Each structure stands twice: as C-alpha cells, then as structure tokens.
Amino acid sequence: MLRRVYGVDDKTLRWESYPQEKLLDVLQSGNADAVVLLDHFFFRGEVAPGIRCLYTDGEAWKKLHGFDEIIKHMVAAREDLLRKHPGIKDTLLKAFRESFAYSEAHLEEVGDAFIERYGGDKEALLASARYPRIEFTFTEKEQRVAEAEMELLVEVGQIPRKAPLSTLFAM
C-alpha cells in the first residue's frame, strides 16, 4: 500500500501493511493513495465510488512480456501417484472438469453453501468464481507464458533457476 507520495523518488515511498479485506476501506478513507486489490477484492474496487483501476495484472503482464494472458491457477497431482498410475491424469482431469461444470451450473447453490460454511460476501465470491475460466489446457502459447513467468520468478529471486517445463508438468 502506497501512502501519500506525489512525483517523488521511489526511494521515499512509504509502504504499510493491511489485511487484503481492509485495503479498499483504507484507500477510501484517504489513509492510502494506492493499493493492490487481489483475488475477489478487485471486484469491490471496480465498482467503488471514487476509485479508479490503474491497471490489472493482465495488462501489466502484457506490457512486460507481450502475452495477453497470465497463468494464475494450476491443477496439480503428486508425481508418485502419476508414476504409479499412468492413466490417472486423464481420470483426474475429467473429474475436475465435471466438478467445475457442476459448480458453474449451480453457482448460486455453491455460493450459498460456501458463505454458510465460511462467511463472507456472496456477490464478491460469485464475481470471483466467474473469472478466470479454467480451460484444462497447456497449449504451446501457455507453455511460452509459463516459461516467461518462470523467468520473472528467477529474476525477482523467488526461485533459484529456470527448469524445463517437462520436468514440472505432466504434459
């Protein structure tokens, strides 16, 4: 969260930390000049009076790397399970597809059950659930996107080195 700095050297930025669910309130109250809204909290920022989106992560990613999409979710399985049962990948993906299809067809019902169990804001939850669509693909373009994301993670020190995608994904 950025606090009251205008046209100054970025070394003078003052960063403060708040829980994600409080950031929009902090921004609207004037206690911050800019915030990063993640996950379903972006939905509230898009419709909040007096708030304007500067850019989305997708727009920033496109400017940085030229791709119009970013990989933000992944379906994962244990390597030992995949080795022990080579055909299970397709079985698991079929089950996930059916689960997502059921959820999309019964979004109100699923949303009610989630809110009853965990609480929260149903409207924001449903907005988040509608995006992004999970396609269960790993196309050549998506592989290039994954490689660019890996390069970024190496550059910012989140991972030590780039690895071949074939060692990371059941392709």
N, C-alpha and C. Protein backbone atom coordinates (compact mmCIF):
# COMPACT_ATOMS: atom_id res chain seq x y z
N MET A 1 0.84 -1.16 0.00
CA MET A 1 0.00 0.00 0.00
C MET A 1 0.89 1.23 0.00
N LEU A 2 0.60 2.16 -0.87
CA LEU A 2 1.38 3.36 -1.04
C LEU A 2 0.72 4.50 -0.27
N ARG A 3 1.50 5.27 0.46
CA ARG A 3 0.96 6.34 1.29
C ARG A 3 1.47 7.70 0.84
N ARG A 4 0.62 8.57 0.36
CA ARG A 4 0.83 9.96 0.03
C ARG A 4 2.22 10.34 -0.48
N VAL A 5 2.48 9.98 -1.69
CA VAL A 5 3.71 10.41 -2.35
C VAL A 5 3.34 10.86 -3.76
N TYR A 6 3.80 12.01 -4.16
CA TYR A 6 3.46 12.55 -5.47
C TYR A 6 4.72 13.02 -6.17
N GLY A 7 5.02 12.43 -7.31
CA GLY A 7 6.14 12.87 -8.11
C GLY A 7 7.47 12.90 -7.36
N VAL A 8 7.70 11.91 -6.54
CA VAL A 8 8.93 11.87 -5.75
C VAL A 8 9.75 10.65 -6.12
N ASP A 9 10.97 10.64 -5.69
CA ASP A 9 11.85 9.50 -5.91
C ASP A 9 11.25 8.26 -5.23
N ASP A 10 11.24 7.12 -5.93
CA ASP A 10 10.61 5.93 -5.35
C ASP A 10 11.30 5.44 -4.09
N LYS A 11 12.49 5.92 -3.78
CA LYS A 11 13.15 5.56 -2.52
C LYS A 11 12.42 6.15 -1.32
N THR A 12 11.58 7.15 -1.57
CA THR A 12 10.87 7.80 -0.47
C THR A 12 9.46 7.23 -0.26
N LEU A 13 9.10 6.22 -1.04
CA LEU A 13 7.78 5.61 -0.86
C LEU A 13 7.66 5.03 0.55
N ARG A 14 6.50 5.14 1.11
CA ARG A 14 6.24 4.56 2.42
C ARG A 14 5.24 3.44 2.24
N TRP A 15 5.62 2.25 2.58
CA TRP A 15 4.78 1.08 2.42
C TRP A 15 4.21 0.69 3.77
N GLU A 16 2.94 0.36 3.79
CA GLU A 16 2.27 -0.10 5.00
C GLU A 16 1.55 -1.40 4.68
N SER A 17 1.28 -2.17 5.70
CA SER A 17 0.65 -3.47 5.51
C SER A 17 -0.70 -3.52 6.20
N TYR A 18 -1.69 -4.01 5.47
CA TYR A 18 -3.04 -4.22 5.99
C TYR A 18 -3.55 -5.54 5.44
N PRO A 19 -4.49 -6.17 6.14
CA PRO A 19 -5.12 -7.36 5.56
C PRO A 19 -5.83 -6.98 4.26
N GLN A 20 -5.83 -7.88 3.29
CA GLN A 20 -6.42 -7.62 1.98
C GLN A 20 -7.86 -7.10 2.09
N GLU A 21 -8.63 -7.68 3.00
CA GLU A 21 -10.04 -7.29 3.11
C GLU A 21 -10.24 -5.87 3.65
N LYS A 22 -9.19 -5.24 4.17
CA LYS A 22 -9.28 -3.88 4.71
C LYS A 22 -8.78 -2.82 3.72
N LEU A 23 -8.07 -3.23 2.66
CA LEU A 23 -7.40 -2.28 1.79
C LEU A 23 -8.32 -1.28 1.10
N LEU A 24 -9.48 -1.72 0.64
CA LEU A 24 -10.38 -0.79 -0.03
C LEU A 24 -10.85 0.28 0.94
N ASP A 25 -11.16 -0.11 2.18
CA ASP A 25 -11.56 0.87 3.20
C ASP A 25 -10.43 1.86 3.49
N VAL A 26 -9.20 1.35 3.58
CA VAL A 26 -8.03 2.21 3.83
C VAL A 26 -7.88 3.22 2.69
N LEU A 27 -8.07 2.77 1.46
CA LEU A 27 -7.97 3.65 0.29
C LEU A 27 -9.08 4.69 0.31
N GLN A 28 -10.31 4.26 0.53
CA GLN A 28 -11.44 5.17 0.51
C GLN A 28 -11.39 6.19 1.65
N SER A 29 -10.79 5.82 2.77
CA SER A 29 -10.70 6.74 3.91
C SER A 29 -9.61 7.78 3.73
N GLY A 30 -8.76 7.60 2.71
CA GLY A 30 -7.67 8.54 2.48
C GLY A 30 -6.40 8.19 3.24
N ASN A 31 -6.38 7.04 3.90
CA ASN A 31 -5.19 6.62 4.63
C ASN A 31 -4.15 5.96 3.73
N ALA A 32 -4.49 5.81 2.46
CA ALA A 32 -3.55 5.32 1.45
C ALA A 32 -3.91 5.98 0.14
N ASP A 33 -2.92 6.14 -0.70
CA ASP A 33 -3.16 6.74 -2.01
C ASP A 33 -3.31 5.70 -3.11
N ALA A 34 -2.79 4.50 -2.87
CA ALA A 34 -2.91 3.42 -3.85
C ALA A 34 -2.77 2.09 -3.11
N VAL A 35 -3.47 1.09 -3.60
CA VAL A 35 -3.40 -0.25 -3.02
C VAL A 35 -3.44 -1.28 -4.15
N VAL A 36 -3.08 -2.50 -3.83
CA VAL A 36 -3.19 -3.61 -4.77
C VAL A 36 -4.30 -4.52 -4.24
N LEU A 37 -5.37 -4.65 -5.01
CA LEU A 37 -6.50 -5.49 -4.62
C LEU A 37 -6.39 -6.83 -5.33
N LEU A 38 -6.35 -7.90 -4.57
CA LEU A 38 -6.17 -9.24 -5.11
C LEU A 38 -7.46 -10.04 -5.09
N ASP A 39 -7.43 -11.14 -5.81
CA ASP A 39 -8.48 -12.15 -5.82
C ASP A 39 -9.85 -11.50 -5.99
N HIS A 40 -10.82 -11.86 -5.14
CA HIS A 40 -12.15 -11.31 -5.35
C HIS A 40 -12.30 -9.89 -4.81
N PHE A 41 -11.29 -9.36 -4.14
CA PHE A 41 -11.38 -7.99 -3.63
C PHE A 41 -11.34 -6.96 -4.76
N PHE A 42 -10.76 -7.34 -5.91
CA PHE A 42 -10.74 -6.42 -7.05
C PHE A 42 -12.15 -6.06 -7.47
N PHE A 43 -13.10 -6.98 -7.29
CA PHE A 43 -14.48 -6.74 -7.69
C PHE A 43 -15.04 -5.51 -6.98
N ARG A 44 -14.80 -5.40 -5.70
CA ARG A 44 -15.27 -4.24 -4.94
C ARG A 44 -14.61 -2.96 -5.42
N GLY A 45 -13.33 -3.04 -5.74
CA GLY A 45 -12.63 -1.86 -6.24
C GLY A 45 -13.15 -1.38 -7.57
N GLU A 46 -13.59 -2.32 -8.42
CA GLU A 46 -14.11 -1.95 -9.74
C GLU A 46 -15.41 -1.15 -9.65
N VAL A 47 -16.19 -1.38 -8.61
CA VAL A 47 -17.49 -0.71 -8.50
C VAL A 47 -17.53 0.35 -7.41
N ALA A 48 -16.44 0.55 -6.68
CA ALA A 48 -16.42 1.51 -5.58
C ALA A 48 -16.40 2.94 -6.10
N PRO A 49 -17.24 3.82 -5.53
CA PRO A 49 -17.22 5.22 -5.96
C PRO A 49 -15.90 5.89 -5.59
N GLY A 50 -15.39 6.71 -6.50
CA GLY A 50 -14.18 7.45 -6.24
C GLY A 50 -12.90 6.66 -6.39
N ILE A 51 -12.99 5.43 -6.87
CA ILE A 51 -11.82 4.57 -7.05
C ILE A 51 -11.66 4.28 -8.53
N ARG A 52 -10.43 4.33 -9.03
CA ARG A 52 -10.18 4.03 -10.44
C ARG A 52 -9.06 3.00 -10.54
N CYS A 53 -9.28 2.02 -11.40
CA CYS A 53 -8.27 0.99 -11.65
C CYS A 53 -7.15 1.60 -12.48
N LEU A 54 -5.91 1.46 -12.02
CA LEU A 54 -4.77 1.94 -12.78
C LEU A 54 -4.35 0.93 -13.84
N TYR A 55 -4.32 -0.33 -13.48
CA TYR A 55 -4.09 -1.42 -14.43
C TYR A 55 -4.33 -2.73 -13.71
N THR A 56 -4.56 -3.76 -14.51
CA THR A 56 -4.73 -5.10 -13.97
C THR A 56 -3.43 -5.87 -14.15
N ASP A 57 -3.29 -6.97 -13.44
CA ASP A 57 -2.07 -7.76 -13.61
C ASP A 57 -1.94 -8.26 -15.05
N GLY A 58 -3.07 -8.53 -15.70
CA GLY A 58 -3.02 -8.96 -17.09
C GLY A 58 -2.47 -7.88 -18.00
N GLU A 59 -2.86 -6.62 -17.78
CA GLU A 59 -2.34 -5.52 -18.59
C GLU A 59 -0.85 -5.32 -18.34
N ALA A 60 -0.45 -5.40 -17.08
CA ALA A 60 0.98 -5.24 -16.74
C ALA A 60 1.79 -6.37 -17.37
N TRP A 61 1.28 -7.58 -17.29
CA TRP A 61 1.97 -8.74 -17.86
C TRP A 61 2.15 -8.56 -19.36
N LYS A 62 1.12 -8.06 -20.03
CA LYS A 62 1.21 -7.87 -21.48
C LYS A 62 2.28 -6.83 -21.82
N LYS A 63 2.33 -5.74 -21.04
CA LYS A 63 3.34 -4.72 -21.30
C LYS A 63 4.75 -5.26 -21.04
N LEU A 64 4.89 -6.10 -20.02
CA LEU A 64 6.21 -6.64 -19.69
C LEU A 64 6.68 -7.71 -20.66
N HIS A 65 5.75 -8.61 -21.07
CA HIS A 65 6.15 -9.79 -21.82
C HIS A 65 5.45 -9.99 -23.15
N GLY A 66 4.43 -9.18 -23.45
CA GLY A 66 3.74 -9.29 -24.73
C GLY A 66 2.63 -10.32 -24.79
N PHE A 67 2.42 -11.05 -23.71
CA PHE A 67 1.35 -12.05 -23.69
C PHE A 67 0.06 -11.41 -23.19
N ASP A 68 -1.07 -11.78 -23.80
CA ASP A 68 -2.34 -11.22 -23.37
C ASP A 68 -3.03 -12.08 -22.31
N GLU A 69 -2.31 -13.04 -21.77
CA GLU A 69 -2.87 -13.85 -20.69
C GLU A 69 -1.76 -14.20 -19.72
N ILE A 70 -2.16 -14.59 -18.52
CA ILE A 70 -1.21 -14.96 -17.48
C ILE A 70 -1.74 -16.22 -16.81
N ILE A 71 -0.86 -17.12 -16.46
CA ILE A 71 -1.28 -18.35 -15.79
C ILE A 71 -1.30 -18.07 -14.29
N LYS A 72 -2.48 -18.21 -13.68
CA LYS A 72 -2.60 -17.91 -12.27
C LYS A 72 -3.09 -19.10 -11.45
N HIS A 73 -3.51 -20.15 -12.11
CA HIS A 73 -4.04 -21.31 -11.40
C HIS A 73 -3.48 -22.57 -12.05
N MET A 74 -3.43 -23.62 -11.26
CA MET A 74 -2.88 -24.86 -11.76
C MET A 74 -3.58 -26.02 -11.06
N VAL A 75 -3.87 -27.06 -11.80
CA VAL A 75 -4.35 -28.31 -11.22
C VAL A 75 -3.11 -29.16 -11.03
N ALA A 76 -2.91 -29.69 -9.83
CA ALA A 76 -1.67 -30.41 -9.53
C ALA A 76 -1.98 -31.79 -8.95
N ALA A 77 -1.05 -32.70 -9.14
CA ALA A 77 -1.13 -34.04 -8.56
C ALA A 77 0.27 -34.46 -8.13
N ARG A 78 0.34 -35.39 -7.22
CA ARG A 78 1.64 -35.89 -6.75
C ARG A 78 2.33 -36.70 -7.85
N GLU A 79 3.64 -36.51 -7.99
CA GLU A 79 4.40 -37.23 -9.01
C GLU A 79 4.33 -38.74 -8.79
N ASP A 80 4.43 -39.20 -7.54
CA ASP A 80 4.41 -40.64 -7.29
C ASP A 80 3.09 -41.27 -7.72
N LEU A 81 2.00 -40.54 -7.55
CA LEU A 81 0.69 -41.03 -7.98
C LEU A 81 0.65 -41.16 -9.50
N LEU A 82 1.17 -40.16 -10.20
CA LEU A 82 1.18 -40.19 -11.67
C LEU A 82 2.08 -41.31 -12.19
N ARG A 83 3.20 -41.55 -11.53
CA ARG A 83 4.10 -42.65 -11.95
C ARG A 83 3.45 -44.01 -11.70
N LYS A 84 2.81 -44.15 -10.55
CA LYS A 84 2.22 -45.44 -10.16
C LYS A 84 0.99 -45.76 -11.02
N HIS A 85 0.25 -44.74 -11.42
CA HIS A 85 -0.99 -44.92 -12.20
C HIS A 85 -0.93 -44.00 -13.42
N PRO A 86 -0.24 -44.40 -14.48
CA PRO A 86 -0.02 -43.53 -15.63
C PRO A 86 -1.29 -42.96 -16.26
N GLY A 87 -2.40 -43.67 -16.22
CA GLY A 87 -3.64 -43.18 -16.84
C GLY A 87 -4.47 -42.29 -15.95
N ILE A 88 -4.02 -42.06 -14.73
CA ILE A 88 -4.86 -41.32 -13.78
C ILE A 88 -4.97 -39.84 -14.11
N LYS A 89 -4.00 -39.29 -14.85
CA LYS A 89 -4.06 -37.87 -15.23
C LYS A 89 -5.39 -37.56 -15.92
N ASP A 90 -5.74 -38.35 -16.94
CA ASP A 90 -6.98 -38.10 -17.67
C ASP A 90 -8.20 -38.30 -16.78
N THR A 91 -8.16 -39.29 -15.89
CA THR A 91 -9.27 -39.53 -14.97
C THR A 91 -9.46 -38.34 -14.04
N LEU A 92 -8.36 -37.84 -13.49
CA LEU A 92 -8.45 -36.68 -12.59
C LEU A 92 -8.94 -35.44 -13.31
N LEU A 93 -8.40 -35.18 -14.50
CA LEU A 93 -8.84 -34.00 -15.25
C LEU A 93 -10.31 -34.09 -15.62
N LYS A 94 -10.79 -35.28 -15.96
CA LYS A 94 -12.22 -35.47 -16.25
C LYS A 94 -13.06 -35.15 -15.02
N ALA A 95 -12.63 -35.64 -13.85
CA ALA A 95 -13.35 -35.37 -12.61
C ALA A 95 -13.36 -33.88 -12.29
N PHE A 96 -12.21 -33.21 -12.48
CA PHE A 96 -12.16 -31.76 -12.24
C PHE A 96 -13.06 -31.01 -13.20
N ARG A 97 -13.06 -31.41 -14.48
CA ARG A 97 -13.94 -30.75 -15.45
C ARG A 97 -15.40 -30.89 -15.04
N GLU A 98 -15.78 -32.10 -14.63
CA GLU A 98 -17.16 -32.33 -14.21
C GLU A 98 -17.50 -31.50 -12.97
N SER A 99 -16.57 -31.42 -12.04
CA SER A 99 -16.78 -30.63 -10.83
C SER A 99 -16.96 -29.15 -11.16
N PHE A 100 -16.08 -28.61 -12.02
CA PHE A 100 -16.21 -27.21 -12.40
C PHE A 100 -17.51 -26.97 -13.16
N ALA A 101 -17.88 -27.89 -14.06
CA ALA A 101 -19.12 -27.74 -14.82
C ALA A 101 -20.33 -27.73 -13.87
N TYR A 102 -20.32 -28.61 -12.86
CA TYR A 102 -21.41 -28.62 -11.88
C TYR A 102 -21.45 -27.29 -11.13
N SER A 103 -20.29 -26.83 -10.69
CA SER A 103 -20.24 -25.58 -9.94
C SER A 103 -20.76 -24.41 -10.77
N GLU A 104 -20.34 -24.34 -12.05
CA GLU A 104 -20.81 -23.25 -12.90
C GLU A 104 -22.31 -23.32 -13.13
N ALA A 105 -22.85 -24.53 -13.26
CA ALA A 105 -24.30 -24.69 -13.49
C ALA A 105 -25.10 -24.43 -12.22
N HIS A 106 -24.47 -24.53 -11.06
CA HIS A 106 -25.17 -24.36 -9.78
C HIS A 106 -24.47 -23.31 -8.91
N LEU A 107 -24.01 -22.24 -9.54
CA LEU A 107 -23.19 -21.26 -8.85
C LEU A 107 -23.89 -20.64 -7.63
N GLU A 108 -25.15 -20.33 -7.74
CA GLU A 108 -25.88 -19.75 -6.60
C GLU A 108 -25.90 -20.72 -5.41
N GLU A 109 -26.22 -21.97 -5.69
CA GLU A 109 -26.27 -23.01 -4.65
C GLU A 109 -24.89 -23.22 -4.01
N VAL A 110 -23.86 -23.30 -4.83
CA VAL A 110 -22.50 -23.49 -4.33
C VAL A 110 -22.09 -22.26 -3.52
N GLY A 111 -22.43 -21.07 -4.01
CA GLY A 111 -22.11 -19.84 -3.29
C GLY A 111 -22.79 -19.79 -1.93
N ASP A 112 -24.07 -20.18 -1.87
CA ASP A 112 -24.78 -20.20 -0.59
C ASP A 112 -24.12 -21.16 0.39
N ALA A 113 -23.73 -22.34 -0.09
CA ALA A 113 -23.09 -23.34 0.78
C ALA A 113 -21.75 -22.82 1.29
N PHE A 114 -20.99 -22.17 0.41
CA PHE A 114 -19.69 -21.63 0.81
C PHE A 114 -19.87 -20.54 1.87
N ILE A 115 -20.77 -19.61 1.62
CA ILE A 115 -20.99 -18.50 2.57
C ILE A 115 -21.51 -19.03 3.89
N GLU A 116 -22.39 -20.01 3.86
CA GLU A 116 -22.90 -20.60 5.11
C GLU A 116 -21.77 -21.20 5.93
N ARG A 117 -20.83 -21.85 5.25
CA ARG A 117 -19.74 -22.51 5.97
C ARG A 117 -18.63 -21.55 6.38
N TYR A 118 -18.24 -20.63 5.46
CA TYR A 118 -17.06 -19.80 5.70
C TYR A 118 -17.38 -18.33 5.92
N GLY A 119 -18.61 -17.91 5.61
CA GLY A 119 -18.94 -16.49 5.73
C GLY A 119 -18.39 -15.71 4.55
N GLY A 120 -18.63 -14.41 4.56
CA GLY A 120 -18.09 -13.56 3.51
C GLY A 120 -19.18 -12.89 2.71
N ASP A 121 -18.79 -12.32 1.60
CA ASP A 121 -19.66 -11.54 0.74
C ASP A 121 -20.00 -12.36 -0.50
N LYS A 122 -21.25 -12.77 -0.61
CA LYS A 122 -21.64 -13.67 -1.71
C LYS A 122 -21.46 -13.02 -3.07
N GLU A 123 -21.80 -11.74 -3.21
CA GLU A 123 -21.68 -11.07 -4.50
C GLU A 123 -20.22 -11.06 -4.98
N ALA A 124 -19.30 -10.75 -4.08
CA ALA A 124 -17.87 -10.74 -4.44
C ALA A 124 -17.39 -12.15 -4.73
N LEU A 125 -17.84 -13.12 -3.94
CA LEU A 125 -17.46 -14.52 -4.16
C LEU A 125 -17.89 -14.98 -5.55
N LEU A 126 -19.13 -14.68 -5.93
CA LEU A 126 -19.63 -15.11 -7.24
C LEU A 126 -18.90 -14.40 -8.37
N ALA A 127 -18.56 -13.14 -8.18
CA ALA A 127 -17.79 -12.43 -9.21
C ALA A 127 -16.44 -13.09 -9.40
N SER A 128 -15.80 -13.47 -8.31
CA SER A 128 -14.51 -14.14 -8.38
C SER A 128 -14.64 -15.52 -9.02
N ALA A 129 -15.71 -16.23 -8.70
CA ALA A 129 -15.90 -17.59 -9.22
C ALA A 129 -16.14 -17.59 -10.73
N ARG A 130 -16.65 -16.51 -11.26
CA ARG A 130 -16.93 -16.45 -12.70
C ARG A 130 -15.68 -16.18 -13.53
N TYR A 131 -14.57 -15.79 -12.87
CA TYR A 131 -13.36 -15.46 -13.60
C TYR A 131 -12.16 -15.90 -12.79
N PRO A 132 -11.13 -16.47 -13.34
CA PRO A 132 -10.99 -16.80 -14.74
C PRO A 132 -11.59 -18.16 -15.04
N ARG A 133 -11.89 -18.39 -16.27
CA ARG A 133 -12.35 -19.70 -16.71
C ARG A 133 -11.16 -20.65 -16.72
N ILE A 134 -11.34 -21.82 -16.20
CA ILE A 134 -10.28 -22.82 -16.21
C ILE A 134 -10.51 -23.70 -17.44
N GLU A 135 -9.52 -23.76 -18.31
CA GLU A 135 -9.67 -24.43 -19.59
C GLU A 135 -9.07 -25.83 -19.63
N PHE A 136 -8.23 -26.20 -18.66
CA PHE A 136 -7.59 -27.52 -18.63
C PHE A 136 -6.77 -27.76 -19.88
N THR A 137 -6.01 -26.76 -20.29
CA THR A 137 -5.14 -26.88 -21.45
C THR A 137 -3.72 -26.53 -21.03
N PHE A 138 -2.79 -26.87 -21.85
CA PHE A 138 -1.43 -26.40 -21.71
C PHE A 138 -0.88 -26.31 -23.12
N THR A 139 -1.43 -25.33 -23.84
CA THR A 139 -1.09 -25.13 -25.24
C THR A 139 0.35 -24.64 -25.38
N GLU A 140 0.84 -24.61 -26.62
CA GLU A 140 2.19 -24.09 -26.85
C GLU A 140 2.31 -22.65 -26.36
N LYS A 141 1.28 -21.85 -26.58
CA LYS A 141 1.31 -20.45 -26.11
C LYS A 141 1.35 -20.42 -24.59
N GLU A 142 0.55 -21.25 -23.94
CA GLU A 142 0.56 -21.29 -22.47
C GLU A 142 1.91 -21.76 -21.95
N GLN A 143 2.56 -22.65 -22.67
CA GLN A 143 3.90 -23.08 -22.27
C GLN A 143 4.89 -21.92 -22.36
N ARG A 144 4.77 -21.09 -23.40
CA ARG A 144 5.63 -19.92 -23.51
C ARG A 144 5.34 -18.93 -22.38
N VAL A 145 4.06 -18.79 -22.03
CA VAL A 145 3.68 -17.93 -20.90
C VAL A 145 4.30 -18.46 -19.62
N ALA A 146 4.21 -19.77 -19.40
CA ALA A 146 4.80 -20.38 -18.20
C ALA A 146 6.30 -20.16 -18.14
N GLU A 147 6.96 -20.27 -19.28
CA GLU A 147 8.41 -20.03 -19.33
C GLU A 147 8.72 -18.57 -18.97
N ALA A 148 7.92 -17.63 -19.49
CA ALA A 148 8.13 -16.21 -19.18
C ALA A 148 7.88 -15.95 -17.69
N GLU A 149 6.86 -16.59 -17.13
CA GLU A 149 6.59 -16.43 -15.70
C GLU A 149 7.75 -16.99 -14.88
N MET A 150 8.30 -18.13 -15.32
CA MET A 150 9.42 -18.72 -14.60
C MET A 150 10.64 -17.79 -14.66
N GLU A 151 10.89 -17.19 -15.83
CA GLU A 151 12.00 -16.23 -15.95
C GLU A 151 11.82 -15.06 -14.99
N LEU A 152 10.58 -14.58 -14.88
CA LEU A 152 10.29 -13.48 -13.95
C LEU A 152 10.56 -13.91 -12.51
N LEU A 153 10.14 -15.10 -12.14
CA LEU A 153 10.36 -15.60 -10.78
C LEU A 153 11.84 -15.76 -10.47
N VAL A 154 12.64 -16.17 -11.46
CA VAL A 154 14.09 -16.25 -11.26
C VAL A 154 14.64 -14.84 -11.07
N GLU A 155 14.20 -13.92 -11.92
CA GLU A 155 14.70 -12.54 -11.89
C GLU A 155 14.44 -11.86 -10.55
N VAL A 156 13.28 -12.12 -9.95
CA VAL A 156 12.95 -11.47 -8.67
C VAL A 156 13.36 -12.30 -7.46
N GLY A 157 14.03 -13.43 -7.72
CA GLY A 157 14.58 -14.23 -6.63
C GLY A 157 13.61 -15.16 -5.93
N GLN A 158 12.47 -15.45 -6.54
CA GLN A 158 11.51 -16.35 -5.92
C GLN A 158 11.85 -17.81 -6.14
N ILE A 159 12.54 -18.11 -7.24
CA ILE A 159 13.03 -19.46 -7.49
C ILE A 159 14.50 -19.36 -7.91
N PRO A 160 15.30 -20.38 -7.66
CA PRO A 160 16.75 -20.26 -7.91
C PRO A 160 17.15 -20.34 -9.38
N ARG A 161 16.39 -21.07 -10.20
CA ARG A 161 16.78 -21.24 -11.59
C ARG A 161 15.55 -21.65 -12.42
N LYS A 162 15.68 -21.49 -13.70
CA LYS A 162 14.65 -21.93 -14.64
C LYS A 162 14.81 -23.43 -14.87
N ALA A 163 13.70 -24.14 -14.92
CA ALA A 163 13.73 -25.59 -15.16
C ALA A 163 12.93 -25.92 -16.42
N PRO A 164 13.27 -26.99 -17.11
CA PRO A 164 12.47 -27.40 -18.28
C PRO A 164 11.04 -27.71 -17.86
N LEU A 165 10.08 -27.21 -18.62
CA LEU A 165 8.66 -27.43 -18.29
C LEU A 165 8.33 -28.91 -18.18
N SER A 166 8.96 -29.73 -19.00
CA SER A 166 8.66 -31.17 -18.99
C SER A 166 9.00 -31.81 -17.65
N THR A 167 9.89 -31.16 -16.88
CA THR A 167 10.22 -31.71 -15.55
C THR A 167 9.24 -31.24 -14.49
N LEU A 168 8.39 -30.29 -14.85
CA LEU A 168 7.47 -29.69 -13.87
C LEU A 168 6.01 -30.06 -14.11
N PHE A 169 5.67 -30.38 -15.35
CA PHE A 169 4.29 -30.62 -15.72
C PHE A 169 4.14 -31.98 -16.38
N ALA A 170 3.01 -32.63 -16.14
CA ALA A 170 2.68 -33.87 -16.84
C ALA A 170 2.07 -33.48 -18.18
N MET A 171 2.91 -33.41 -19.18
CA MET A 171 2.49 -32.88 -20.49
C MET A 171 2.11 -33.99 -21.43
